[in-house]
Each structure stands twice: as C-alpha cells, then as structure tokens.
Amino acid sequence: MEKVVERFLRYVKFDTESDPESETCPSTQKQFALGNELVKELKEIGLEDVSMDENGYVMATLPSNLDENKDIKTIGFIAHMDTSPDMSGNNVKPQLVEKYDGKELILNTERGVVLSPSEFPDLKDYVGETLITTDGTTLLGADNKAGIAEIITAMEYLINNPDIKHGTLKIGFTPDEEIGRGADLFDVKKFNADFAYTVDGGPIGELEYENFNAAGAKIKIQGRNVHPGSSKNKMINSMLIAMELNSMLPTAEKPEYTDHYEGFIHLTNISGHVEETKLQYIIRDHSKELFEKKKEVLEQSVAFLNTKYGKNTVELNMKDSYYNMKEKIEPVIEIVELAKKAMFEMGVTPMITPVRGGTDGARLSYMGLPCPNIFTGGHNFHGKYEYIPVNSMKKAVEVIVKIAELNAQ
C-alpha cells in the first residue's frame, strides 16, 4: 500500500495540463509523456493487452483468476491523466506533512500562502494523519493522478496476492477530462467492460452516481459605436446590453448562491467594447425539467433584447454538453450497492452525494458503460490549496481491491 504514495509523487512531476483552446486529442502533447510512463509501468507489473492509442487513451487488462466456468461481470476502473488549466501543473513540488497537528500550514512563506482550518475546516478531520500538499505555487494534481496511482496500486496488489479471487478487470486512463473531452474518443467496445467506476471523486467515502445536466452558451452582442459627442439616438453600447442581459437572469440561480441539488446559470467570461461584446455562460441542473427551464430563461431574455434593440442585436449559440448519469445508473443500481458494501467492509462510511459538475462517467454511461464515481481522497482540487491525506489514498486502494473481490463472490 505504501507504493500508492510513491507513485503519486512521481506522477505529479509530469505536467499534463490540458488546453481548451486546442482542437487536437489529446489537447496537449505533453499528456503523452505520462501515458508512455503508465504503459511501461502497467507492463512491468504484469497487466495484459496494454496499449495507448494515437489519441492518448491508455487501456490494460488484468485477467480473471477464477475458474473458467464462473461467469462474472467485467469491471473497469477509469481515471484521467490531465490536470485543470485553472492553475499551472508545471514544476509541482508536493510537500509531506506528517502527523498534522490541526493548525495552519504555511505552504509558501515568500508568497504568504497558508492552508488554514479556519478557511478549510475539513482539515480538522485529518489531525494526526500524513497530508500531501502543494508548495503554494501550483495545483497538486490529485485530480486525477491520485486516482491513477490508486488503480495501479490496487492492480499490483491483486497480482501479488493471487489468493484474492477476482474476475476480469479493465483499466482505462483518459486525456482531457478537465476540458470536458475525456470520453470523446473512448473506445467502449475495445474496453469491453460490463460496468466501470471512475476513481475521480473527492474526500474519503464519496460515492456519486448523479451529476448535472449541462449546457454551454456563447452570446455575441452587436452594438453601434459613434463618437460620444454626437451619439444621441445613434449609439448602441453592446457592453450595456450585456449588463442588461445578465441582470435579467435570476440572481438566486448563480453558483455562489446554490448547493446540493440546486442548479445555476453561470457567467464564465465576458469581453468587449461599445461595438461588440461576447459572453459565455454554463447552465447546470440535476433536474432535466429545471435544466430545460434555465435554458428557456436565457433564450427568452435574448428574444426580449432583440425585440427591444432590433433583430439580430443579440446572437445566442447554446449547446448541451452532457446529461445526468442517474438515468443510466438506476437500472443497474447494484453496482452502486457493490461499491457501498466494499467501503463498509474497509471501514469507510459511504457519502452518496450528487456531483456538482461533470465526470467522464456521465458521458460513458450514455455510451453504454454505466460508470459511478468513487473517491480519491483529495480536497480543494484545481488550486494551490489542494491536498490529499495519505490514509485516504490507501483506503481508496483497499476499496478498489474489495470491489473486485466482492464481485467475484
């Protein structure tokens, strides 16, 4: 189990930040470097059918060690190799904090970066444990290199302990999950699993099979720029129309005012001048009905402004991104129960929560591979305050092993 830490510390040295502006797959060539390392390692520990395709998808198989006549479903375990473009993943310098004392952790003296339990109260749950933190200048990469380390360590443990019986297990590592493309070119047929788990969740015990329905909206507002000294009844200031549009949207449905199953309409980008302004929104809700209503609100607001300021003043391009995997998981809810049982047997209390975001598992579930999400143990993903307790990582390994074992029973 100690190997999970060694692996994780090695993997985070690879800069695998994905790029939403790139049109290639993977979006950054540097993701291939980690992929090649994983292919080499998977072969060394004894997995079969190890491959990485031209798009950076890594797959491997751990064959069943059961009687050939025993019909057991094939399980997949999936994680992603890229890190979020929200913060640099270059030159990551993880720090180990042994026997955490419950006080503030100074991550970077020079920059005054402090990881404090007053701001992140979950830290108090890990007093006495060993934590892995950033050095305050980059993200850590636990999302999702912790998942990769946990899956590979679990596979190696099963190989080295053949007395633990298991069916065929499939391993998949994807690129570009952080920019919403992790499942784009995933070959479900080649993977050939009956169901799978993404090991991409947060704190210990997380088990998720619900996520947002999601859409993205790009809006362009065409104004008319005239010298302000002679602009009466002539100028149309696109920036002011953009402000008007945003003010028409429900204040209580902004992400900073929502939690749990509450959805939102979120302004993610705005840029412009008098002549032209562009906005980008994301729309999210667990309820398909409320999701459609949120899209209608945006459409109706745009229609109103076009009536007020003239046809084609505001141009809306809205597209669905992914859907709530609950619809695909509930018919096979036993795979959630299997993960719950594995956690209980390993002394972990399951926390079944809705994902307030997306996951490769949602897309894969609609591609014919039901795929709930289980914890990695990490906290505060995508930023300099990211950390992960070592014990949580070890428990994730134990849960993966136990899922395989229980499935064979």
Protein backbone atom coordinates (compact mmCIF):
# COMPACT_ATOMS: atom_id res chain seq x y z
CA MET A 1 0.00 0.00 0.00
CA GLU A 2 2.95 2.35 0.54
CA LYS A 3 3.55 2.29 -3.21
CA VAL A 4 0.47 4.42 -3.82
CA VAL A 5 2.29 7.42 -2.33
CA GLU A 6 5.49 6.78 -4.27
CA ARG A 7 3.52 6.52 -7.49
CA PHE A 8 1.50 9.64 -6.83
CA LEU A 9 4.58 11.72 -6.05
CA ARG A 10 6.16 10.51 -9.28
CA TYR A 11 3.11 11.16 -11.46
CA VAL A 12 2.58 14.74 -10.30
CA LYS A 13 6.02 15.60 -11.67
CA PHE A 14 4.53 15.23 -15.16
CA ASP A 15 2.95 18.45 -16.42
CA THR A 16 -0.25 17.25 -18.09
CA GLU A 17 -2.33 20.44 -18.15
CA SER A 18 -4.98 20.28 -20.86
CA ASP A 19 -5.83 23.17 -23.20
CA PRO A 20 -9.45 24.08 -24.00
CA GLU A 21 -8.35 26.16 -27.00
CA SER A 22 -6.63 23.23 -28.71
CA GLU A 23 -8.51 21.16 -31.28
CA THR A 24 -6.22 18.09 -31.06
CA CYS A 25 -6.66 14.97 -28.93
CA PRO A 26 -5.01 14.99 -26.55
CA SER A 27 -5.21 18.76 -26.37
CA THR A 28 -1.57 18.93 -25.23
CA GLN A 29 1.19 16.65 -26.47
CA LYS A 30 2.77 16.55 -23.01
CA GLN A 31 -0.02 14.24 -21.86
CA PHE A 32 1.64 11.53 -23.97
CA ALA A 33 4.67 11.62 -21.64
CA LEU A 34 2.66 10.40 -18.68
CA GLY A 35 0.76 7.98 -20.92
CA ASN A 36 4.01 6.39 -22.07
CA GLU A 37 5.20 6.09 -18.48
CA LEU A 38 1.96 4.39 -17.46
CA VAL A 39 2.12 1.94 -20.38
CA LYS A 40 5.63 0.95 -19.34
CA GLU A 41 4.62 0.54 -15.70
CA LEU A 42 1.47 -1.46 -16.46
CA LYS A 43 3.51 -3.91 -18.49
CA GLU A 44 6.15 -4.18 -15.78
CA ILE A 45 3.66 -5.13 -13.05
CA GLY A 46 2.14 -7.81 -15.25
CA LEU A 47 -1.04 -6.47 -16.86
CA GLU A 48 -2.00 -7.68 -20.32
CA ASP A 49 -3.26 -6.01 -23.51
CA VAL A 50 -1.54 -2.79 -22.51
CA SER A 51 -1.89 -0.06 -25.12
CA MET A 52 -2.02 3.66 -25.77
CA ASP A 53 -3.76 4.77 -28.94
CA GLU A 54 -2.98 7.77 -31.15
CA ASN A 55 -5.32 9.94 -29.07
CA GLY A 56 -3.62 9.21 -25.75
CA TYR A 57 -6.11 6.70 -24.28
CA VAL A 58 -4.35 4.05 -22.17
CA MET A 59 -6.01 0.67 -21.62
CA ALA A 60 -4.96 -2.59 -19.97
CA THR A 61 -6.42 -5.86 -18.66
CA LEU A 62 -5.95 -7.89 -15.50
CA PRO A 63 -7.29 -11.35 -16.44
CA SER A 64 -9.61 -13.25 -14.15
CA ASN A 65 -8.05 -15.76 -11.74
CA LEU A 66 -11.34 -17.62 -11.31
CA ASP A 67 -12.49 -20.96 -12.62
CA GLU A 68 -13.12 -20.52 -16.34
CA ASN A 69 -16.68 -21.70 -15.95
CA LYS A 70 -17.60 -18.98 -13.48
CA ASP A 71 -19.50 -16.19 -15.21
CA ILE A 72 -18.53 -12.93 -13.53
CA LYS A 73 -19.11 -9.46 -14.90
CA THR A 74 -16.07 -7.49 -16.08
CA ILE A 75 -15.35 -4.31 -14.10
CA GLY A 76 -13.47 -1.27 -15.35
CA PHE A 77 -11.59 1.33 -13.34
CA ILE A 78 -11.01 4.69 -15.03
CA ALA A 79 -9.05 7.85 -14.22
CA HIS A 80 -7.83 10.83 -16.23
CA MET A 81 -4.27 11.94 -16.87
CA ASP A 82 -4.72 15.66 -17.46
CA THR A 83 -4.82 18.42 -14.86
CA SER A 84 -7.00 21.51 -14.91
CA PRO A 85 -5.95 24.62 -16.83
CA ASP A 86 -7.32 26.65 -13.90
CA MET A 87 -3.81 26.69 -12.43
CA SER A 88 -0.36 25.63 -13.55
CA GLY A 89 0.61 21.98 -13.20
CA ASN A 90 4.22 22.64 -14.16
CA ASN A 91 7.04 22.02 -11.69
CA VAL A 92 4.77 20.64 -8.98
CA LYS A 93 6.64 20.31 -5.69
CA PRO A 94 4.50 18.28 -3.28
CA GLN A 95 5.11 18.63 0.44
CA LEU A 96 4.54 15.89 3.02
CA VAL A 97 3.13 16.96 6.37
CA GLU A 98 3.48 14.12 8.87
CA LYS A 99 1.25 13.91 11.94
CA TYR A 100 -0.74 17.02 11.06
CA ASP A 101 -1.40 18.98 14.28
CA GLY A 102 -4.62 20.71 13.24
CA LYS A 103 -3.02 24.15 12.91
CA GLU A 104 -2.33 26.42 9.95
CA LEU A 105 0.05 25.05 7.35
CA ILE A 106 2.38 27.56 5.73
CA LEU A 107 2.65 26.31 2.17
CA ASN A 108 4.79 29.15 0.89
CA THR A 109 6.42 31.71 3.16
CA GLU A 110 7.55 34.01 0.36
CA ARG A 111 4.06 34.30 -1.13
CA GLY A 112 2.20 34.11 2.16
CA VAL A 113 0.16 31.07 1.12
CA VAL A 114 -1.43 29.43 4.17
CA LEU A 115 -3.68 26.37 4.30
CA SER A 116 -5.85 27.11 7.31
CA PRO A 117 -8.55 25.04 9.04
CA SER A 118 -10.48 28.27 9.59
CA GLU A 119 -10.95 28.52 5.82
CA PHE A 120 -10.89 24.79 5.09
CA PRO A 121 -12.50 23.13 8.12
CA ASP A 122 -12.21 19.63 6.61
CA LEU A 123 -8.55 19.75 7.65
CA LYS A 124 -9.68 19.07 11.21
CA ASP A 125 -10.81 15.60 10.13
CA TYR A 126 -7.20 14.60 9.49
CA VAL A 127 -5.40 15.58 12.68
CA GLY A 128 -2.60 13.07 13.31
CA GLU A 129 -2.51 11.93 9.69
CA THR A 130 0.06 12.50 6.94
CA LEU A 131 -1.02 15.03 4.32
CA ILE A 132 0.38 15.81 0.89
CA THR A 133 0.06 19.49 -0.04
CA THR A 134 1.28 21.87 -2.73
CA ASP A 135 4.12 24.34 -2.23
CA GLY A 136 1.68 27.19 -2.83
CA THR A 137 2.73 27.91 -6.42
CA THR A 138 0.85 25.24 -8.42
CA LEU A 139 -2.02 22.84 -8.09
CA LEU A 140 -1.17 19.39 -6.72
CA GLY A 141 -2.67 17.12 -9.36
CA ALA A 142 -4.55 14.76 -7.06
CA ASP A 143 -7.32 15.32 -9.59
CA ASN A 144 -6.73 12.82 -11.02
CA LYS A 145 -3.22 11.41 -10.60
CA ALA A 146 -4.26 10.13 -7.20
CA GLY A 147 -6.89 8.01 -8.97
CA ILE A 148 -4.29 6.65 -11.39
CA ALA A 149 -1.91 5.78 -8.54
CA GLU A 150 -4.70 4.10 -6.58
CA ILE A 151 -5.91 1.99 -9.51
CA ILE A 152 -2.43 0.79 -10.48
CA THR A 153 -1.51 0.02 -6.87
CA ALA A 154 -4.72 -1.99 -6.48
CA MET A 155 -3.95 -3.97 -9.64
CA GLU A 156 -0.41 -4.71 -8.47
CA TYR A 157 -1.75 -5.79 -5.07
CA LEU A 158 -4.14 -8.25 -6.72
CA ILE A 159 -1.35 -9.62 -8.91
CA ASN A 160 0.89 -10.13 -5.88
CA ASN A 161 -1.94 -11.70 -3.84
CA PRO A 162 -3.47 -14.33 -6.13
CA ASP A 163 -5.43 -15.80 -3.23
CA ILE A 164 -7.80 -12.83 -3.66
CA LYS A 165 -10.15 -14.06 -6.36
CA HIS A 166 -11.45 -11.62 -8.96
CA GLY A 167 -12.97 -11.55 -12.41
CA THR A 168 -11.51 -9.76 -15.43
CA LEU A 169 -10.61 -6.15 -14.64
CA LYS A 170 -10.15 -3.40 -17.20
CA ILE A 171 -8.05 -0.26 -16.69
CA GLY A 172 -8.54 2.99 -18.61
CA PHE A 173 -6.70 6.31 -18.38
CA THR A 174 -8.07 9.18 -20.45
CA PRO A 175 -6.80 12.58 -21.62
CA ASP A 176 -8.61 15.92 -21.49
CA GLU A 177 -11.27 15.19 -18.86
CA GLU A 178 -10.76 18.61 -17.32
CA ILE A 179 -11.86 20.34 -20.52
CA GLY A 180 -14.88 18.08 -20.98
CA ARG A 181 -13.45 15.79 -23.67
CA GLY A 182 -12.30 12.77 -21.68
CA ALA A 183 -14.91 10.45 -23.17
CA ASP A 184 -14.93 11.90 -26.69
CA LEU A 185 -12.83 9.16 -28.26
CA PHE A 186 -13.05 6.49 -25.55
CA ASP A 187 -13.48 3.13 -27.29
CA VAL A 188 -16.17 1.46 -25.17
CA LYS A 189 -16.20 -1.63 -27.39
CA LYS A 190 -12.44 -2.11 -27.06
CA PHE A 191 -12.59 -1.53 -23.31
CA ASN A 192 -15.15 -4.33 -23.12
CA ALA A 193 -16.35 -3.95 -19.53
CA ASP A 194 -19.88 -4.55 -18.24
CA PHE A 195 -19.65 -1.54 -15.94
CA ALA A 196 -16.94 0.68 -14.52
CA TYR A 197 -16.03 3.18 -11.84
CA THR A 198 -14.24 6.46 -12.34
CA VAL A 199 -11.85 6.92 -9.43
CA ASP A 200 -12.11 10.69 -9.58
CA GLY A 201 -14.05 11.81 -6.51
CA GLY A 202 -13.02 13.97 -3.59
CA PRO A 203 -12.87 13.24 0.15
CA ILE A 204 -12.83 9.72 1.55
CA GLY A 205 -16.18 7.96 1.24
CA GLU A 206 -17.57 9.90 -1.71
CA LEU A 207 -19.74 7.77 -3.97
CA GLU A 208 -21.59 9.52 -6.76
CA TYR A 209 -23.99 8.42 -9.45
CA GLU A 210 -25.80 11.70 -10.11
CA ASN A 211 -24.38 14.72 -11.87
CA PHE A 212 -25.53 17.89 -13.56
CA ASN A 213 -27.25 18.13 -16.88
CA ALA A 214 -25.04 20.66 -18.62
CA ALA A 215 -25.10 23.14 -21.48
CA GLY A 216 -22.84 25.93 -22.67
CA ALA A 217 -23.97 29.21 -24.21
CA LYS A 218 -21.98 31.70 -26.30
CA ILE A 219 -23.57 35.10 -26.81
CA LYS A 220 -22.47 37.87 -29.18
CA ILE A 221 -23.99 41.33 -28.89
CA GLN A 222 -23.66 43.69 -31.84
CA GLY A 223 -23.55 47.37 -30.93
CA ARG A 224 -23.00 50.58 -32.86
CA ASN A 225 -20.10 52.83 -32.00
CA VAL A 226 -20.49 56.54 -32.63
CA HIS A 227 -18.39 59.38 -31.21
CA PRO A 228 -19.94 60.10 -27.80
CA GLY A 229 -20.11 63.79 -28.60
CA SER A 230 -22.65 63.18 -31.35
CA SER A 231 -24.13 59.84 -30.39
CA LYS A 232 -27.62 60.74 -29.27
CA ASN A 233 -30.17 58.28 -30.73
CA LYS A 234 -27.34 56.64 -32.70
CA MET A 235 -25.02 54.75 -30.33
CA ILE A 236 -25.85 51.22 -29.20
CA ASN A 237 -23.44 50.23 -26.42
CA SER A 238 -23.08 46.45 -26.58
CA MET A 239 -21.48 46.34 -23.12
CA LEU A 240 -24.53 47.93 -21.53
CA ILE A 241 -26.81 45.45 -23.30
CA ALA A 242 -24.61 42.67 -21.92
CA MET A 243 -25.05 44.08 -18.43
CA GLU A 244 -28.79 44.30 -19.01
CA LEU A 245 -28.91 40.69 -20.18
CA ASN A 246 -27.05 39.44 -17.14
CA SER A 247 -29.32 41.45 -14.82
CA MET A 248 -32.37 39.71 -16.31
CA LEU A 249 -31.15 36.29 -15.14
CA PRO A 250 -32.28 35.00 -11.70
CA THR A 251 -29.89 36.23 -9.02
CA ALA A 252 -30.59 33.25 -6.76
CA GLU A 253 -29.55 30.88 -9.56
CA LYS A 254 -25.93 31.98 -9.60
CA PRO A 255 -23.45 29.32 -8.41
CA GLU A 256 -22.39 31.36 -5.38
CA TYR A 257 -25.94 31.04 -4.04
CA THR A 258 -26.56 27.35 -4.78
CA ASP A 259 -25.67 23.99 -3.25
CA HIS A 260 -26.63 20.29 -3.26
CA TYR A 261 -29.27 19.72 -5.97
CA GLU A 262 -29.67 23.39 -6.87
CA GLY A 263 -28.63 24.29 -10.40
CA PHE A 264 -27.29 27.57 -11.77
CA ILE A 265 -26.63 29.84 -14.73
CA HIS A 266 -23.00 30.97 -14.51
CA LEU A 267 -21.30 33.77 -16.42
CA THR A 268 -17.80 32.42 -17.08
CA ASN A 269 -16.37 35.01 -19.47
CA ILE A 270 -17.13 38.48 -20.78
CA SER A 271 -15.12 40.71 -23.09
CA GLY A 272 -15.98 43.57 -25.34
CA HIS A 273 -16.28 47.23 -26.21
CA VAL A 274 -19.02 49.51 -27.48
CA GLU A 275 -19.20 47.87 -30.92
CA GLU A 276 -19.26 44.22 -29.83
CA THR A 277 -19.40 42.21 -26.61
CA LYS A 278 -19.13 38.46 -26.12
CA LEU A 279 -20.32 36.46 -23.12
CA GLN A 280 -20.08 32.81 -22.19
CA TYR A 281 -22.39 31.01 -19.77
CA ILE A 282 -22.68 27.50 -18.45
CA ILE A 283 -26.09 26.12 -17.44
CA ARG A 284 -26.36 23.32 -14.88
CA ASP A 285 -29.12 21.40 -13.07
CA HIS A 286 -29.66 17.87 -11.80
CA SER A 287 -33.32 18.00 -12.79
CA LYS A 288 -33.86 17.68 -16.55
CA GLU A 289 -37.04 19.75 -16.24
CA LEU A 290 -35.34 22.61 -14.38
CA PHE A 291 -32.36 22.35 -16.75
CA GLU A 292 -34.66 22.98 -19.74
CA LYS A 293 -36.33 25.88 -17.89
CA LYS A 294 -32.96 27.54 -17.27
CA LYS A 295 -32.16 27.33 -20.96
CA GLU A 296 -35.57 28.84 -21.74
CA VAL A 297 -34.87 31.77 -19.40
CA LEU A 298 -31.71 32.57 -21.35
CA GLU A 299 -33.49 32.17 -24.69
CA GLN A 300 -36.38 34.41 -23.59
CA SER A 301 -34.01 37.09 -22.30
CA VAL A 302 -32.20 37.14 -25.63
CA ALA A 303 -35.51 37.30 -27.51
CA PHE A 304 -36.66 40.25 -25.39
CA LEU A 305 -33.46 42.19 -26.07
CA ASN A 306 -33.74 41.56 -29.79
CA THR A 307 -37.27 42.93 -29.67
CA LYS A 308 -36.09 45.97 -27.71
CA TYR A 309 -32.92 46.80 -29.66
CA GLY A 310 -33.60 45.29 -33.05
CA LYS A 311 -33.46 41.89 -34.69
CA ASN A 312 -30.08 40.12 -34.56
CA THR A 313 -28.65 42.51 -31.95
CA VAL A 314 -28.05 39.54 -29.66
CA GLU A 315 -26.92 36.21 -31.10
CA LEU A 316 -27.21 33.07 -28.94
CA ASN A 317 -25.43 29.79 -29.61
CA MET A 318 -26.35 27.22 -26.96
CA LYS A 319 -25.37 23.55 -26.92
CA ASP A 320 -25.92 20.69 -24.47
CA SER A 321 -22.69 19.22 -23.06
CA TYR A 322 -23.70 16.15 -21.03
CA TYR A 323 -26.58 14.71 -19.01
CA ASN A 324 -27.27 13.30 -15.55
CA MET A 325 -25.98 9.72 -15.43
CA LYS A 326 -28.59 8.82 -12.78
CA GLU A 327 -30.94 7.78 -15.59
CA LYS A 328 -28.43 5.17 -16.77
CA ILE A 329 -27.22 4.03 -13.34
CA GLU A 330 -30.56 3.41 -11.60
CA PRO A 331 -31.43 0.39 -13.81
CA VAL A 332 -28.17 -1.22 -12.60
CA ILE A 333 -28.13 0.25 -9.10
CA GLU A 334 -26.48 -2.93 -7.83
CA ILE A 335 -23.13 -1.54 -9.00
CA VAL A 336 -23.58 1.34 -6.54
CA GLU A 337 -24.53 -1.13 -3.82
CA LEU A 338 -21.37 -3.12 -4.61
CA ALA A 339 -19.20 -0.05 -4.03
CA LYS A 340 -21.09 0.80 -0.83
CA LYS A 341 -20.54 -2.71 0.54
CA ALA A 342 -16.84 -2.55 -0.33
CA MET A 343 -16.49 0.74 1.54
CA PHE A 344 -18.29 -0.54 4.62
CA GLU A 345 -16.09 -3.64 4.73
CA MET A 346 -12.98 -1.44 4.55
CA GLY A 347 -14.16 0.78 7.39
CA VAL A 348 -15.17 3.67 5.14
CA THR A 349 -18.56 5.36 5.55
CA PRO A 350 -20.10 5.96 2.11
CA MET A 351 -21.16 9.54 1.38
CA ILE A 352 -23.59 9.43 -1.52
CA THR A 353 -23.71 12.93 -2.94
CA PRO A 354 -24.64 14.45 -6.29
CA VAL A 355 -21.70 15.59 -8.40
CA ARG A 356 -21.92 19.36 -8.76
CA GLY A 357 -20.10 19.14 -12.05
CA GLY A 358 -19.40 16.64 -14.76
CA THR A 359 -17.43 13.45 -14.98
CA ASP A 360 -16.21 11.10 -17.68
CA GLY A 361 -18.56 8.60 -16.08
CA ALA A 362 -21.62 10.61 -17.12
CA ARG A 363 -20.65 10.58 -20.78
CA LEU A 364 -19.56 6.94 -20.63
CA SER A 365 -22.86 5.93 -19.01
CA TYR A 366 -24.69 7.33 -22.03
CA MET A 367 -22.22 5.50 -24.30
CA GLY A 368 -23.29 2.15 -22.84
CA LEU A 369 -20.82 1.84 -19.95
CA PRO A 370 -22.57 2.53 -16.59
CA CYS A 371 -19.97 4.33 -14.55
CA PRO A 372 -20.44 5.74 -11.00
CA ASN A 373 -17.68 7.75 -9.37
CA ILE A 374 -15.73 6.85 -6.21
CA PHE A 375 -13.37 8.87 -4.03
CA THR A 376 -9.66 9.51 -4.43
CA GLY A 377 -9.37 11.27 -1.05
CA GLY A 378 -8.39 14.69 -2.37
CA HIS A 379 -9.58 18.15 -1.33
CA ASN A 380 -9.62 21.63 -2.90
CA PHE A 381 -8.93 20.47 -6.44
CA HIS A 382 -7.64 22.81 -9.17
CA GLY A 383 -5.72 25.21 -6.97
CA LYS A 384 -2.81 25.91 -4.66
CA TYR A 385 -4.77 24.82 -1.58
CA GLU A 386 -5.18 21.28 -2.89
CA TYR A 387 -4.21 18.47 -0.52
CA ILE A 388 -4.74 14.76 -0.01
CA PRO A 389 -4.40 12.61 3.13
CA VAL A 390 -2.22 9.53 2.62
CA ASN A 391 -4.61 7.31 4.58
CA SER A 392 -7.46 8.27 2.25
CA MET A 393 -5.38 7.17 -0.73
CA LYS A 394 -4.67 3.83 0.91
CA LYS A 395 -8.35 3.35 1.66
CA ALA A 396 -9.17 4.01 -1.98
CA VAL A 397 -6.79 1.22 -2.97
CA GLU A 398 -8.43 -1.12 -0.44
CA VAL A 399 -11.92 -0.27 -1.75
CA ILE A 400 -10.90 -0.99 -5.37
CA VAL A 401 -9.46 -4.36 -4.32
CA LYS A 402 -12.58 -5.16 -2.28
CA ILE A 403 -14.92 -4.27 -5.16
CA ALA A 404 -13.08 -6.74 -7.36
CA GLU A 405 -13.19 -9.40 -4.63
CA LEU A 406 -16.88 -8.94 -3.80
CA ASN A 407 -17.85 -9.02 -7.47
CA ALA A 408 -16.21 -12.44 -7.76
CA GLN A 409 -18.25 -13.75 -4.87
